Amino acid sequence: ENWKPAGTGGRASRGWGVVVESEAVAEDLAAVFEADADWEDTARWD
């Protein structure tokens, strides 16, 4: 679900979610974030 009232806010959508406690999984997911956020096709919000 998206980060909005209909999704994470519980106002509309059936959604699934999971929280995993794992340094290895967190590191892999952080690597995805950094690869996406640090490339030149992203810009600081304005």
All heavy atoms as atom14 arrays in JSON, in Angstrom:
{
  "sequence": "ENWKPAGTGGRASRGWGVVVESEAVAEDLAAVFEADADWEDTARWD",
  "atom14_mask": [
    [1, 1, 1, 1, 1, 1, 1, 1, 1, 0, 0, 0, 0, 0],
    [1, 1, 1, 1, 1, 1, 1, 1, 0, 0, 0, 0, 0, 0],
    [1, 1, 1, 1, 1, 1, 1, 1, 1, 1, 1, 1, 1, 1],
    [1, 1, 1, 1, 1, 1, 1, 1, 1, 0, 0, 0, 0, 0],
    [1, 1, 1, 1, 1, 1, 1, 0, 0, 0, 0, 0, 0, 0],
    [1, 1, 1, 1, 1, 0, 0, 0, 0, 0, 0, 0, 0, 0],
    [1, 1, 1, 1, 0, 0, 0, 0, 0, 0, 0, 0, 0, 0],
    [1, 1, 1, 1, 1, 1, 1, 0, 0, 0, 0, 0, 0, 0],
    [1, 1, 1, 1, 0, 0, 0, 0, 0, 0, 0, 0, 0, 0],
    [1, 1, 1, 1, 0, 0, 0, 0, 0, 0, 0, 0, 0, 0],
    [1, 1, 1, 1, 1, 1, 1, 1, 1, 1, 1, 0, 0, 0],
    [1, 1, 1, 1, 1, 0, 0, 0, 0, 0, 0, 0, 0, 0],
    [1, 1, 1, 1, 1, 1, 0, 0, 0, 0, 0, 0, 0, 0],
    [1, 1, 1, 1, 1, 1, 1, 1, 1, 1, 1, 0, 0, 0],
    [1, 1, 1, 1, 0, 0, 0, 0, 0, 0, 0, 0, 0, 0],
    [1, 1, 1, 1, 1, 1, 1, 1, 1, 1, 1, 1, 1, 1],
    [1, 1, 1, 1, 0, 0, 0, 0, 0, 0, 0, 0, 0, 0],
    [1, 1, 1, 1, 1, 1, 1, 0, 0, 0, 0, 0, 0, 0],
    [1, 1, 1, 1, 1, 1, 1, 0, 0, 0, 0, 0, 0, 0],
    [1, 1, 1, 1, 1, 1, 1, 0, 0, 0, 0, 0, 0, 0],
    [1, 1, 1, 1, 1, 1, 1, 1, 1, 0, 0, 0, 0, 0],
    [1, 1, 1, 1, 1, 1, 0, 0, 0, 0, 0, 0, 0, 0],
    [1, 1, 1, 1, 1, 1, 1, 1, 1, 0, 0, 0, 0, 0],
    [1, 1, 1, 1, 1, 0, 0, 0, 0, 0, 0, 0, 0, 0],
    [1, 1, 1, 1, 1, 1, 1, 0, 0, 0, 0, 0, 0, 0],
    [1, 1, 1, 1, 1, 0, 0, 0, 0, 0, 0, 0, 0, 0],
    [1, 1, 1, 1, 1, 1, 1, 1, 1, 0, 0, 0, 0, 0],
    [1, 1, 1, 1, 1, 1, 1, 1, 0, 0, 0, 0, 0, 0],
    [1, 1, 1, 1, 1, 1, 1, 1, 0, 0, 0, 0, 0, 0],
    [1, 1, 1, 1, 1, 0, 0, 0, 0, 0, 0, 0, 0, 0],
    [1, 1, 1, 1, 1, 0, 0, 0, 0, 0, 0, 0, 0, 0],
    [1, 1, 1, 1, 1, 1, 1, 0, 0, 0, 0, 0, 0, 0],
    [1, 1, 1, 1, 1, 1, 1, 1, 1, 1, 1, 0, 0, 0],
    [1, 1, 1, 1, 1, 1, 1, 1, 1, 0, 0, 0, 0, 0],
    [1, 1, 1, 1, 1, 0, 0, 0, 0, 0, 0, 0, 0, 0],
    [1, 1, 1, 1, 1, 1, 1, 1, 0, 0, 0, 0, 0, 0],
    [1, 1, 1, 1, 1, 0, 0, 0, 0, 0, 0, 0, 0, 0],
    [1, 1, 1, 1, 1, 1, 1, 1, 0, 0, 0, 0, 0, 0],
    [1, 1, 1, 1, 1, 1, 1, 1, 1, 1, 1, 1, 1, 1],
    [1, 1, 1, 1, 1, 1, 1, 1, 1, 0, 0, 0, 0, 0],
    [1, 1, 1, 1, 1, 1, 1, 1, 0, 0, 0, 0, 0, 0],
    [1, 1, 1, 1, 1, 1, 1, 0, 0, 0, 0, 0, 0, 0],
    [1, 1, 1, 1, 1, 0, 0, 0, 0, 0, 0, 0, 0, 0],
    [1, 1, 1, 1, 1, 1, 1, 1, 1, 1, 1, 0, 0, 0],
    [1, 1, 1, 1, 1, 1, 1, 1, 1, 1, 1, 1, 1, 1],
    [1, 1, 1, 1, 1, 1, 1, 1, 0, 0, 0, 0, 0, 0]
  ],
  "atom14_positions": [
    [[0.81, -1.22, 0.0], [0.0, 0.0, 0.0], [0.84, 1.27, 0.0], [1.95, 1.29, 0.54], [-0.94, 0.0, 1.21], [-1.85, -1.21, 1.26], [-2.5, -1.48, -0.08], [-3.29, -0.64, -0.53], [-2.22, -2.53, -0.68], [0.0, 0.0, 0.0], [0.0, 0.0, 0.0], [0.0, 0.0, 0.0], [0.0, 0.0, 0.0], [0.0, 0.0, 0.0]],
    [[0.28, 2.31, -0.57], [0.95, 3.6, -0.63], [0.87, 4.32, 0.71], [-0.02, 4.06, 1.53], [0.32, 4.46, -1.73], [0.57, 3.91, -3.11], [1.7, 3.65, -3.5], [-0.5, 3.71, -3.87], [0.0, 0.0, 0.0], [0.0, 0.0, 0.0], [0.0, 0.0, 0.0], [0.0, 0.0, 0.0], [0.0, 0.0, 0.0], [0.0, 0.0, 0.0]],
    [[1.8, 5.26, 0.88], [1.86, 6.05, 2.11], [0.83, 7.18, 2.04], [1.16, 8.35, 1.85], [3.26, 6.6, 2.3], [4.31, 5.55, 2.48], [5.11, 5.01, 1.51], [4.69, 4.92, 3.71], [5.95, 4.08, 2.05], [5.72, 4.0, 3.41], [4.26, 5.04, 5.03], [6.32, 3.2, 4.37], [4.86, 4.25, 6.0], [5.88, 3.35, 5.67]],
    [[-0.42, 6.81, 2.22], [-1.5, 7.8, 2.17], [-2.7, 7.24, 2.93], [-2.73, 6.05, 3.28], [-1.87, 8.12, 0.72], [-2.38, 6.94, -0.1], [-2.67, 7.39, -1.54], [-3.26, 6.27, -2.36], [-3.56, 6.71, -3.75], [0.0, 0.0, 0.0], [0.0, 0.0, 0.0], [0.0, 0.0, 0.0], [0.0, 0.0, 0.0], [0.0, 0.0, 0.0]],
    [[-3.72, 8.07, 3.21], [-4.85, 7.61, 4.02], [-5.52, 6.35, 3.49], [-5.89, 5.46, 4.27], [-5.8, 8.82, 4.0], [-4.9, 9.99, 3.85], [-3.79, 9.53, 2.95], [0.0, 0.0, 0.0], [0.0, 0.0, 0.0], [0.0, 0.0, 0.0], [0.0, 0.0, 0.0], [0.0, 0.0, 0.0], [0.0, 0.0, 0.0], [0.0, 0.0, 0.0]],
    [[-5.69, 6.23, 2.17], [-6.36, 5.06, 1.62], [-5.56, 3.79, 1.81], [-6.12, 2.69, 1.86], [-6.63, 5.26, 0.12], [0.0, 0.0, 0.0], [0.0, 0.0, 0.0], [0.0, 0.0, 0.0], [0.0, 0.0, 0.0], [0.0, 0.0, 0.0], [0.0, 0.0, 0.0], [0.0, 0.0, 0.0], [0.0, 0.0, 0.0], [0.0, 0.0, 0.0]],
    [[-4.22, 3.92, 1.94], [-3.35, 2.77, 2.06], [-2.92, 2.52, 3.49], [-3.6, 1.83, 4.25], [0.0, 0.0, 0.0], [0.0, 0.0, 0.0], [0.0, 0.0, 0.0], [0.0, 0.0, 0.0], [0.0, 0.0, 0.0], [0.0, 0.0, 0.0], [0.0, 0.0, 0.0], [0.0, 0.0, 0.0], [0.0, 0.0, 0.0], [0.0, 0.0, 0.0]],
    [[-1.77, 3.09, 3.87], [-1.27, 2.88, 5.23], [-2.18, 3.48, 6.28], [-2.1, 3.1, 7.46], [0.14, 3.47, 5.38], [0.12, 4.86, 5.03], [1.13, 2.74, 4.48], [0.0, 0.0, 0.0], [0.0, 0.0, 0.0], [0.0, 0.0, 0.0], [0.0, 0.0, 0.0], [0.0, 0.0, 0.0], [0.0, 0.0, 0.0], [0.0, 0.0, 0.0]],
    [[-3.03, 4.41, 5.88], [-3.96, 5.01, 6.84], [-5.14, 4.13, 7.19], [-5.9, 4.43, 8.11], [0.0, 0.0, 0.0], [0.0, 0.0, 0.0], [0.0, 0.0, 0.0], [0.0, 0.0, 0.0], [0.0, 0.0, 0.0], [0.0, 0.0, 0.0], [0.0, 0.0, 0.0], [0.0, 0.0, 0.0], [0.0, 0.0, 0.0], [0.0, 0.0, 0.0]],
    [[-5.34, 3.03, 6.45], [-6.43, 2.11, 6.75], [-7.8, 2.62, 6.39], [-8.81, 2.16, 6.95], [0.0, 0.0, 0.0], [0.0, 0.0, 0.0], [0.0, 0.0, 0.0], [0.0, 0.0, 0.0], [0.0, 0.0, 0.0], [0.0, 0.0, 0.0], [0.0, 0.0, 0.0], [0.0, 0.0, 0.0], [0.0, 0.0, 0.0], [0.0, 0.0, 0.0]],
    [[-7.89, 3.55, 5.43], [-9.17, 4.17, 5.1], [-9.87, 3.55, 3.9], [-11.0, 3.91, 3.61], [-8.97, 5.68, 4.83], [-8.52, 6.47, 6.04], [-9.58, 6.5, 7.11], [-9.26, 7.4, 8.2], [-10.04, 7.6, 9.25], [-11.18, 6.94, 9.36], [-9.66, 8.42, 10.21], [0.0, 0.0, 0.0], [0.0, 0.0, 0.0], [0.0, 0.0, 0.0]],
    [[-9.21, 2.63, 3.19], [-9.87, 2.1, 2.0], [-9.39, 0.71, 1.59], [-10.2, -0.18, 1.4], [-9.7, 3.08, 0.82], [0.0, 0.0, 0.0], [0.0, 0.0, 0.0], [0.0, 0.0, 0.0], [0.0, 0.0, 0.0], [0.0, 0.0, 0.0], [0.0, 0.0, 0.0], [0.0, 0.0, 0.0], [0.0, 0.0, 0.0], [0.0, 0.0, 0.0]],
    [[-8.09, 0.52, 1.42], [-7.58, -0.62, 0.66], [-7.28, -1.85, 1.5], [-6.81, -1.75, 2.64], [-6.29, -0.22, -0.08], [-6.53, 0.85, -0.97], [0.0, 0.0, 0.0], [0.0, 0.0, 0.0], [0.0, 0.0, 0.0], [0.0, 0.0, 0.0], [0.0, 0.0, 0.0], [0.0, 0.0, 0.0], [0.0, 0.0, 0.0], [0.0, 0.0, 0.0]],
    [[-7.57, -3.03, 0.92], [-7.01, -4.27, 1.45], [-5.57, -4.35, 0.99], [-5.26, -4.28, -0.21], [-7.77, -5.48, 0.92], [-7.05, -6.81, 1.09], [-6.76, -7.18, 2.55], [-7.9, -7.83, 3.19], [-8.21, -7.66, 4.46], [-7.5, -6.83, 5.23], [-9.26, -8.3, 4.97], [0.0, 0.0, 0.0], [0.0, 0.0, 0.0], [0.0, 0.0, 0.0]],
    [[-4.69, -4.44, 1.96], [-3.27, -4.54, 1.65], [-2.58, -5.52, 2.57], [-3.11, -5.89, 3.63], [0.0, 0.0, 0.0], [0.0, 0.0, 0.0], [0.0, 0.0, 0.0], [0.0, 0.0, 0.0], [0.0, 0.0, 0.0], [0.0, 0.0, 0.0], [0.0, 0.0, 0.0], [0.0, 0.0, 0.0], [0.0, 0.0, 0.0], [0.0, 0.0, 0.0]],
    [[-1.42, -5.97, 2.15], [-0.58, -6.86, 2.93], [0.72, -6.16, 3.26], [1.2, -5.31, 2.5], [-0.24, -8.13, 2.16], [-1.39, -9.04, 1.84], [-2.72, -8.8, 2.04], [-1.3, -10.35, 1.25], [-3.46, -9.86, 1.62], [-2.62, -10.84, 1.13], [-0.25, -11.15, 0.82], [-2.91, -12.08, 0.59], [-0.52, -12.38, 0.28], [-1.84, -12.85, 0.16]],
    [[1.31, -6.5, 4.4], [2.6, -5.94, 4.77], [3.36, -6.87, 5.68], [2.78, -7.72, 6.36], [0.0, 0.0, 0.0], [0.0, 0.0, 0.0], [0.0, 0.0, 0.0], [0.0, 0.0, 0.0], [0.0, 0.0, 0.0], [0.0, 0.0, 0.0], [0.0, 0.0, 0.0], [0.0, 0.0, 0.0], [0.0, 0.0, 0.0], [0.0, 0.0, 0.0]],
    [[4.68, -6.71, 5.71], [5.51, -7.55, 6.57], [6.7, -6.71, 7.06], [7.26, -5.9, 6.32], [5.99, -8.81, 5.82], [6.88, -8.46, 4.64], [6.71, -9.77, 6.76], [0.0, 0.0, 0.0], [0.0, 0.0, 0.0], [0.0, 0.0, 0.0], [0.0, 0.0, 0.0], [0.0, 0.0, 0.0], [0.0, 0.0, 0.0], [0.0, 0.0, 0.0]],
    [[7.04, -6.89, 8.33], [8.22, -6.27, 8.93], [9.19, -7.39, 9.28], [8.87, -8.27, 10.08], [7.87, -5.46, 10.19], [9.13, -4.77, 10.74], [6.79, -4.43, 9.9], [0.0, 0.0, 0.0], [0.0, 0.0, 0.0], [0.0, 0.0, 0.0], [0.0, 0.0, 0.0], [0.0, 0.0, 0.0], [0.0, 0.0, 0.0], [0.0, 0.0, 0.0]],
    [[10.37, -7.36, 8.68], [11.37, -8.41, 8.88], [12.5, -7.86, 9.74], [13.07, -6.81, 9.45], [11.92, -8.92, 7.54], [13.03, -9.94, 7.77], [10.81, -9.51, 6.69], [0.0, 0.0, 0.0], [0.0, 0.0, 0.0], [0.0, 0.0, 0.0], [0.0, 0.0, 0.0], [0.0, 0.0, 0.0], [0.0, 0.0, 0.0], [0.0, 0.0, 0.0]],
    [[12.83, -8.58, 10.8], [13.95, -8.22, 11.66], [15.18, -8.97, 11.17], [15.35, -10.15, 11.44], [13.63, -8.56, 13.11], [12.43, -7.8, 13.65], [12.13, -8.16, 15.09], [13.08, -8.42, 15.86], [10.94, -8.18, 15.44], [0.0, 0.0, 0.0], [0.0, 0.0, 0.0], [0.0, 0.0, 0.0], [0.0, 0.0, 0.0], [0.0, 0.0, 0.0]],
    [[16.03, -8.26, 10.43], [17.2, -8.89, 9.82], [18.16, -7.82, 9.33], [17.79, -6.99, 8.5], [16.78, -9.79, 8.65], [17.88, -10.13, 7.84], [0.0, 0.0, 0.0], [0.0, 0.0, 0.0], [0.0, 0.0, 0.0], [0.0, 0.0, 0.0], [0.0, 0.0, 0.0], [0.0, 0.0, 0.0], [0.0, 0.0, 0.0], [0.0, 0.0, 0.0]],
    [[19.37, -7.85, 9.82], [20.38, -6.91, 9.35], [20.67, -7.13, 7.87], [20.81, -6.17, 7.1], [21.67, -7.08, 10.15], [22.78, -6.13, 9.72], [24.06, -6.31, 10.53], [24.05, -7.16, 11.45], [25.06, -5.63, 10.24], [0.0, 0.0, 0.0], [0.0, 0.0, 0.0], [0.0, 0.0, 0.0], [0.0, 0.0, 0.0], [0.0, 0.0, 0.0]],
    [[20.71, -8.39, 7.43], [21.03, -8.69, 6.04], [19.95, -8.18, 5.09], [20.24, -7.58, 4.05], [21.22, -10.2, 5.85], [0.0, 0.0, 0.0], [0.0, 0.0, 0.0], [0.0, 0.0, 0.0], [0.0, 0.0, 0.0], [0.0, 0.0, 0.0], [0.0, 0.0, 0.0], [0.0, 0.0, 0.0], [0.0, 0.0, 0.0], [0.0, 0.0, 0.0]],
    [[18.69, -8.4, 5.43], [17.59, -7.93, 4.59], [17.56, -6.41, 4.57], [17.38, -5.78, 3.51], [16.24, -8.5, 5.08], [15.09, -7.91, 4.27], [16.24, -10.02, 4.98], [0.0, 0.0, 0.0], [0.0, 0.0, 0.0], [0.0, 0.0, 0.0], [0.0, 0.0, 0.0], [0.0, 0.0, 0.0], [0.0, 0.0, 0.0], [0.0, 0.0, 0.0]],
    [[17.75, -5.78, 5.74], [17.75, -4.32, 5.8], [18.89, -3.74, 4.95], [18.7, -2.73, 4.26], [17.88, -3.86, 7.25], [0.0, 0.0, 0.0], [0.0, 0.0, 0.0], [0.0, 0.0, 0.0], [0.0, 0.0, 0.0], [0.0, 0.0, 0.0], [0.0, 0.0, 0.0], [0.0, 0.0, 0.0], [0.0, 0.0, 0.0], [0.0, 0.0, 0.0]],
    [[20.06, -4.38, 4.97], [21.19, -3.87, 4.18], [20.91, -3.99, 2.69], [21.24, -3.09, 1.91], [22.46, -4.62, 4.55], [23.05, -4.2, 5.89], [23.36, -2.71, 5.93], [23.94, -2.17, 4.97], [23.0, -2.07, 6.94], [0.0, 0.0, 0.0], [0.0, 0.0, 0.0], [0.0, 0.0, 0.0], [0.0, 0.0, 0.0], [0.0, 0.0, 0.0]],
    [[20.33, -5.12, 2.26], [20.0, -5.27, 0.84], [18.98, -4.23, 0.4], [19.09, -3.66, -0.69], [19.46, -6.68, 0.58], [20.55, -7.65, 0.17], [21.71, -7.43, 0.57], [20.26, -8.63, -0.55], [0.0, 0.0, 0.0], [0.0, 0.0, 0.0], [0.0, 0.0, 0.0], [0.0, 0.0, 0.0], [0.0, 0.0, 0.0], [0.0, 0.0, 0.0]],
    [[17.98, -3.98, 1.24], [16.96, -3.0, 0.89], [17.54, -1.58, 0.91], [17.19, -0.74, 0.07], [15.78, -3.12, 1.85], [14.43, -2.61, 1.36], [14.07, -3.21, 0.01], [13.35, -2.92, 2.37], [0.0, 0.0, 0.0], [0.0, 0.0, 0.0], [0.0, 0.0, 0.0], [0.0, 0.0, 0.0], [0.0, 0.0, 0.0], [0.0, 0.0, 0.0]],
    [[18.44, -1.31, 1.85], [19.1, 0.0, 1.88], [19.94, 0.22, 0.64], [20.03, 1.34, 0.12], [19.97, 0.11, 3.14], [0.0, 0.0, 0.0], [0.0, 0.0, 0.0], [0.0, 0.0, 0.0], [0.0, 0.0, 0.0], [0.0, 0.0, 0.0], [0.0, 0.0, 0.0], [0.0, 0.0, 0.0], [0.0, 0.0, 0.0], [0.0, 0.0, 0.0]],
    [[20.57, -0.85, 0.13], [21.36, -0.73, -1.1], [20.48, -0.35, -2.29], [20.89, 0.42, -3.16], [22.1, -2.04, -1.38], [0.0, 0.0, 0.0], [0.0, 0.0, 0.0], [0.0, 0.0, 0.0], [0.0, 0.0, 0.0], [0.0, 0.0, 0.0], [0.0, 0.0, 0.0], [0.0, 0.0, 0.0], [0.0, 0.0, 0.0], [0.0, 0.0, 0.0]],
    [[19.27, -0.9, -2.34], [18.32, -0.53, -3.39], [17.97, 0.95, -3.27], [17.98, 1.7, -4.25], [17.04, -1.39, -3.3], [16.01, -0.91, -4.33], [17.36, -2.85, -3.54], [0.0, 0.0, 0.0], [0.0, 0.0, 0.0], [0.0, 0.0, 0.0], [0.0, 0.0, 0.0], [0.0, 0.0, 0.0], [0.0, 0.0, 0.0], [0.0, 0.0, 0.0]],
    [[17.67, 1.38, -2.06], [17.32, 2.79, -1.83], [18.46, 3.71, -2.27], [18.24, 4.7, -2.99], [16.99, 3.02, -0.36], [16.54, 4.42, -0.05], [15.18, 4.72, 0.02], [17.45, 5.44, 0.15], [14.75, 6.01, 0.29], [17.04, 6.74, 0.42], [15.68, 7.02, 0.49], [0.0, 0.0, 0.0], [0.0, 0.0, 0.0], [0.0, 0.0, 0.0]],
    [[19.67, 3.4, -1.85], [20.81, 4.26, -2.17], [21.08, 4.3, -3.67], [21.39, 5.36, -4.23], [22.04, 3.79, -1.41], [21.93, 4.03, 0.09], [22.96, 3.25, 0.89], [23.74, 2.48, 0.27], [22.99, 3.39, 2.13], [0.0, 0.0, 0.0], [0.0, 0.0, 0.0], [0.0, 0.0, 0.0], [0.0, 0.0, 0.0], [0.0, 0.0, 0.0]],
    [[20.96, 3.14, -4.33], [21.17, 3.11, -5.78], [20.14, 3.97, -6.5], [20.44, 4.61, -7.51], [21.11, 1.67, -6.29], [0.0, 0.0, 0.0], [0.0, 0.0, 0.0], [0.0, 0.0, 0.0], [0.0, 0.0, 0.0], [0.0, 0.0, 0.0], [0.0, 0.0, 0.0], [0.0, 0.0, 0.0], [0.0, 0.0, 0.0], [0.0, 0.0, 0.0]],
    [[18.92, 3.98, -5.99], [17.86, 4.75, -6.63], [17.95, 6.23, -6.28], [17.8, 7.1, -7.15], [16.49, 4.2, -6.22], [16.2, 2.84, -6.82], [16.93, 2.44, -7.75], [15.27, 2.18, -6.37], [0.0, 0.0, 0.0], [0.0, 0.0, 0.0], [0.0, 0.0, 0.0], [0.0, 0.0, 0.0], [0.0, 0.0, 0.0], [0.0, 0.0, 0.0]],
    [[18.18, 6.55, -5.02], [18.14, 7.95, -4.58], [19.39, 8.72, -4.98], [19.32, 9.94, -5.17], [17.98, 8.0, -3.06], [0.0, 0.0, 0.0], [0.0, 0.0, 0.0], [0.0, 0.0, 0.0], [0.0, 0.0, 0.0], [0.0, 0.0, 0.0], [0.0, 0.0, 0.0], [0.0, 0.0, 0.0], [0.0, 0.0, 0.0], [0.0, 0.0, 0.0]],
    [[20.52, 8.06, -5.13], [21.79, 8.76, -5.34], [22.16, 8.93, -6.8], [23.23, 9.46, -7.11], [22.92, 8.01, -4.62], [22.76, 8.03, -3.12], [22.01, 8.89, -2.62], [23.36, 7.18, -2.43], [0.0, 0.0, 0.0], [0.0, 0.0, 0.0], [0.0, 0.0, 0.0], [0.0, 0.0, 0.0], [0.0, 0.0, 0.0], [0.0, 0.0, 0.0]],
    [[21.3, 8.47, -7.71], [21.61, 8.61, -9.13], [21.16, 9.98, -9.64], [20.4, 10.69, -8.97], [20.96, 7.48, -9.93], [21.49, 7.34, -11.32], [20.84, 7.64, -12.48], [22.78, 6.89, -11.71], [21.63, 7.38, -13.56], [22.85, 6.93, -13.12], [23.89, 6.45, -11.0], [23.98, 6.55, -13.83], [25.03, 6.07, -11.71], [25.05, 6.12, -13.1]],
    [[21.6, 10.36, -10.81], [21.38, 11.71, -11.31], [19.97, 11.97, -11.79], [19.64, 13.12, -12.12], [22.36, 12.0, -12.46], [22.19, 11.07, -13.65], [23.36, 11.14, -14.61], [24.52, 11.18, -14.16], [23.1, 11.16, -15.82], [0.0, 0.0, 0.0], [0.0, 0.0, 0.0], [0.0, 0.0, 0.0], [0.0, 0.0, 0.0], [0.0, 0.0, 0.0]],
    [[19.09, 10.93, -11.86], [17.72, 11.19, -12.31], [16.78, 11.49, -11.15], [15.56, 11.53, -11.33], [17.17, 10.01, -13.12], [17.24, 8.68, -12.39], [17.77, 8.65, -11.26], [16.77, 7.67, -12.94], [0.0, 0.0, 0.0], [0.0, 0.0, 0.0], [0.0, 0.0, 0.0], [0.0, 0.0, 0.0], [0.0, 0.0, 0.0], [0.0, 0.0, 0.0]],
    [[17.33, 11.71, -9.96], [16.52, 12.19, -8.85], [16.95, 13.6, -8.49], [18.09, 13.99, -8.74], [16.64, 11.3, -7.6], [17.96, 11.42, -7.05], [16.35, 9.85, -7.94], [0.0, 0.0, 0.0], [0.0, 0.0, 0.0], [0.0, 0.0, 0.0], [0.0, 0.0, 0.0], [0.0, 0.0, 0.0], [0.0, 0.0, 0.0], [0.0, 0.0, 0.0]],
    [[16.04, 14.35, -7.91], [16.32, 15.73, -7.53], [15.75, 16.0, -6.15], [14.77, 15.37, -5.73], [15.71, 16.7, -8.54], [0.0, 0.0, 0.0], [0.0, 0.0, 0.0], [0.0, 0.0, 0.0], [0.0, 0.0, 0.0], [0.0, 0.0, 0.0], [0.0, 0.0, 0.0], [0.0, 0.0, 0.0], [0.0, 0.0, 0.0], [0.0, 0.0, 0.0]],
    [[16.36, 16.92, -5.43], [15.79, 17.33, -4.15], [14.43, 17.97, -4.38], [14.25, 18.75, -5.32], [16.71, 18.31, -3.43], [17.85, 17.64, -2.68], [18.57, 18.63, -1.79], [19.58, 17.99, -0.99], [19.39, 17.49, 0.21], [18.18, 17.54, 0.76], [20.37, 16.93, 0.88], [0.0, 0.0, 0.0], [0.0, 0.0, 0.0], [0.0, 0.0, 0.0]],
    [[13.49, 17.62, -3.52], [12.13, 18.12, -3.67], [12.09, 19.64, -3.62], [12.69, 20.29, -2.78], [11.23, 17.56, -2.57], [9.92, 18.31, -2.45], [9.56, 19.18, -1.46], [8.83, 18.26, -3.36], [8.31, 19.68, -1.7], [7.83, 19.12, -2.86], [8.59, 17.57, -4.55], [6.61, 19.31, -3.5], [7.38, 17.76, -5.19], [6.41, 18.62, -4.67]],
    [[11.36, 20.17, -4.57], [11.04, 21.59, -4.63], [9.64, 21.69, -5.22], [9.3, 20.94, -6.14], [12.05, 22.36, -5.5], [11.76, 23.84, -5.53], [10.98, 24.26, -6.41], [12.3, 24.55, -4.68], [0.0, 0.0, 0.0], [0.0, 0.0, 0.0], [0.0, 0.0, 0.0], [0.0, 0.0, 0.0], [0.0, 0.0, 0.0], [0.0, 0.0, 0.0]]
  ]
}
